[in-house]
Amino acid sequence: MTTIETHRFVVVRRHAGSTLAPCPVCLKEVEMVQLVEASILAGVSLRDICRQVSDDHFHLAVTENGGLVCLNSLLNNASLIDRRNQL
């Protein structure tokens, strides 16, 4: 039996600067990304991101311009998406 372990490193760079907003779960100002950006970073569909938000795996802040996902929660829980995709 052969076991292969992989790791992923994500670098987020934004031309317009970062979006800092208060996260309702972290209770502090953190880096936030739009839902579409979160799906691109995680490599899953927008529907999967919304499902993870509704399951409370990702933190969501609702603004007048739409929803923003806490980047900390996205990166900390990326393994949930990886495991789900492997099933």
C-alpha atoms as a PDB file:
ATOM      1  CA  MET A   1       0.000   0.000   0.000  1.00  0.00           C
ATOM      2  CA  THR A   2       1.337   3.435  -0.940  1.00  0.00           C
ATOM      3  CA  THR A   3       0.259   6.592   0.852  1.00  0.00           C
ATOM      4  CA  ILE A   4       0.655   9.953  -0.830  1.00  0.00           C
ATOM      5  CA  GLU A   5       0.369  13.127   1.197  1.00  0.00           C
ATOM      6  CA  THR A   6      -0.088  16.479  -0.499  1.00  0.00           C
ATOM      7  CA  HIS A   7      -0.019  20.026   0.811  1.00  0.00           C
ATOM      8  CA  ARG A   8      -1.381  23.212  -0.667  1.00  0.00           C
ATOM      9  CA  PHE A   9      -0.011  26.722  -0.235  1.00  0.00           C
ATOM     10  CA  VAL A  10      -2.275  29.630  -1.222  1.00  0.00           C
ATOM     11  CA  VAL A  11      -1.069  33.173  -1.786  1.00  0.00           C
ATOM     12  CA  VAL A  12      -3.778  35.810  -2.073  1.00  0.00           C
ATOM     13  CA  ARG A  13      -2.854  39.071  -3.771  1.00  0.00           C
ATOM     14  CA  ARG A  14      -5.386  41.706  -4.636  1.00  0.00           C
ATOM     15  CA  HIS A  15      -4.758  44.648  -6.928  1.00  0.00           C
ATOM     16  CA  ALA A  16      -7.331  46.885  -5.287  1.00  0.00           C
ATOM     17  CA  GLY A  17      -5.980  46.247  -1.799  1.00  0.00           C
ATOM     18  CA  SER A  18      -7.389  44.079   0.878  1.00  0.00           C
ATOM     19  CA  THR A  19     -10.904  44.135   2.231  1.00  0.00           C
ATOM     20  CA  LEU A  20     -10.919  44.365   5.988  1.00  0.00           C
ATOM     21  CA  ALA A  21     -14.257  43.899   7.692  1.00  0.00           C
ATOM     22  CA  PRO A  22     -15.516  42.743  11.065  1.00  0.00           C
ATOM     23  CA  CYS A  23     -16.122  38.996  11.170  1.00  0.00           C
ATOM     24  CA  PRO A  24     -19.254  38.203  13.193  1.00  0.00           C
ATOM     25  CA  VAL A  25     -17.738  34.925  14.441  1.00  0.00           C
ATOM     26  CA  CYS A  26     -14.068  35.856  14.972  1.00  0.00           C
ATOM     27  CA  LEU A  27     -15.261  39.091  16.618  1.00  0.00           C
ATOM     28  CA  LYS A  28     -12.433  41.111  15.102  1.00  0.00           C
ATOM     29  CA  GLU A  29     -11.557  42.863  11.876  1.00  0.00           C
ATOM     30  CA  VAL A  30     -10.136  40.331   9.418  1.00  0.00           C
ATOM     31  CA  GLU A  31      -9.345  39.909   5.732  1.00  0.00           C
ATOM     32  CA  MET A  32     -12.521  39.106   3.806  1.00  0.00           C
ATOM     33  CA  VAL A  33     -13.158  37.858   0.254  1.00  0.00           C
ATOM     34  CA  GLN A  34     -16.277  37.837  -1.876  1.00  0.00           C
ATOM     35  CA  LEU A  35     -18.163  34.558  -2.234  1.00  0.00           C
ATOM     36  CA  VAL A  36     -16.963  34.108  -5.824  1.00  0.00           C
ATOM     37  CA  GLU A  37     -13.348  34.702  -4.756  1.00  0.00           C
ATOM     38  CA  ALA A  38     -13.785  32.166  -1.953  1.00  0.00           C
ATOM     39  CA  SER A  39     -14.966  29.546  -4.435  1.00  0.00           C
ATOM     40  CA  ILE A  40     -11.964  30.212  -6.686  1.00  0.00           C
ATOM     41  CA  LEU A  41      -9.520  30.009  -3.770  1.00  0.00           C
ATOM     42  CA  ALA A  42     -11.067  26.785  -2.515  1.00  0.00           C
ATOM     43  CA  GLY A  43     -11.337  25.295  -6.005  1.00  0.00           C
ATOM     44  CA  VAL A  44     -15.027  24.472  -5.636  1.00  0.00           C
ATOM     45  CA  SER A  45     -18.296  25.806  -6.970  1.00  0.00           C
ATOM     46  CA  LEU A  46     -20.096  28.803  -5.535  1.00  0.00           C
ATOM     47  CA  ARG A  47     -22.842  26.392  -4.458  1.00  0.00           C
ATOM     48  CA  ASP A  48     -20.335  24.398  -2.364  1.00  0.00           C
ATOM     49  CA  ILE A  49     -19.078  27.589  -0.707  1.00  0.00           C
ATOM     50  CA  CYS A  50     -22.646  28.589   0.158  1.00  0.00           C
ATOM     51  CA  ARG A  51     -23.265  25.119   1.574  1.00  0.00           C
ATOM     52  CA  GLN A  52     -20.160  25.403   3.770  1.00  0.00           C
ATOM     53  CA  VAL A  53     -21.335  28.822   4.977  1.00  0.00           C
ATOM     54  CA  SER A  54     -24.766  27.436   5.845  1.00  0.00           C
ATOM     55  CA  ASP A  55     -23.087  24.551   7.715  1.00  0.00           C
ATOM     56  CA  ASP A  56     -21.160  27.189   9.749  1.00  0.00           C
ATOM     57  CA  HIS A  57     -17.769  26.039   8.463  1.00  0.00           C
ATOM     58  CA  PHE A  58     -17.028  29.443   6.909  1.00  0.00           C
ATOM     59  CA  HIS A  59     -17.820  32.784   8.502  1.00  0.00           C
ATOM     60  CA  LEU A  60     -20.021  35.152   6.486  1.00  0.00           C
ATOM     61  CA  ALA A  61     -20.470  38.893   6.897  1.00  0.00           C
ATOM     62  CA  VAL A  62     -23.406  40.321   4.971  1.00  0.00           C
ATOM     63  CA  THR A  63     -22.885  43.816   3.545  1.00  0.00           C
ATOM     64  CA  GLU A  64     -24.923  46.036   1.241  1.00  0.00           C
ATOM     65  CA  ASN A  65     -22.668  44.828  -1.610  1.00  0.00           C
ATOM     66  CA  GLY A  66     -23.200  41.121  -0.870  1.00  0.00           C
ATOM     67  CA  GLY A  67     -21.618  38.502   1.331  1.00  0.00           C
ATOM     68  CA  LEU A  68     -17.992  38.404   2.397  1.00  0.00           C
ATOM     69  CA  VAL A  69     -16.278  35.242   3.606  1.00  0.00           C
ATOM     70  CA  CYS A  70     -13.715  35.412   6.403  1.00  0.00           C
ATOM     71  CA  LEU A  71     -10.418  34.400   4.827  1.00  0.00           C
ATOM     72  CA  ASN A  72      -9.201  32.898   8.121  1.00  0.00           C
ATOM     73  CA  SER A  73     -12.165  30.521   8.290  1.00  0.00           C
ATOM     74  CA  LEU A  74     -11.765  29.651   4.609  1.00  0.00           C
ATOM     75  CA  LEU A  75      -8.081  28.761   4.966  1.00  0.00           C
ATOM     76  CA  ASN A  76      -8.514  27.004   8.313  1.00  0.00           C
ATOM     77  CA  ASN A  77     -11.333  24.813   7.012  1.00  0.00           C
ATOM     78  CA  ALA A  78     -10.012  24.149   3.511  1.00  0.00           C
ATOM     79  CA  SER A  79      -9.328  20.568   4.568  1.00  0.00           C
ATOM     80  CA  LEU A  80     -13.098  20.054   4.895  1.00  0.00           C
ATOM     81  CA  ILE A  81     -13.463  20.783   1.196  1.00  0.00           C
ATOM     82  CA  ASP A  82     -10.504  18.549   0.299  1.00  0.00           C
ATOM     83  CA  ARG A  83     -11.942  15.610   2.238  1.00  0.00           C
ATOM     84  CA  ARG A  84     -15.393  16.130   0.749  1.00  0.00           C
ATOM     85  CA  ASN A  85     -13.997  16.168  -2.802  1.00  0.00           C
ATOM     86  CA  GLN A  86     -12.160  12.889  -2.176  1.00  0.00           C
ATOM     87  CA  LEU A  87     -15.339  11.023  -1.187  1.00  0.00           C
END
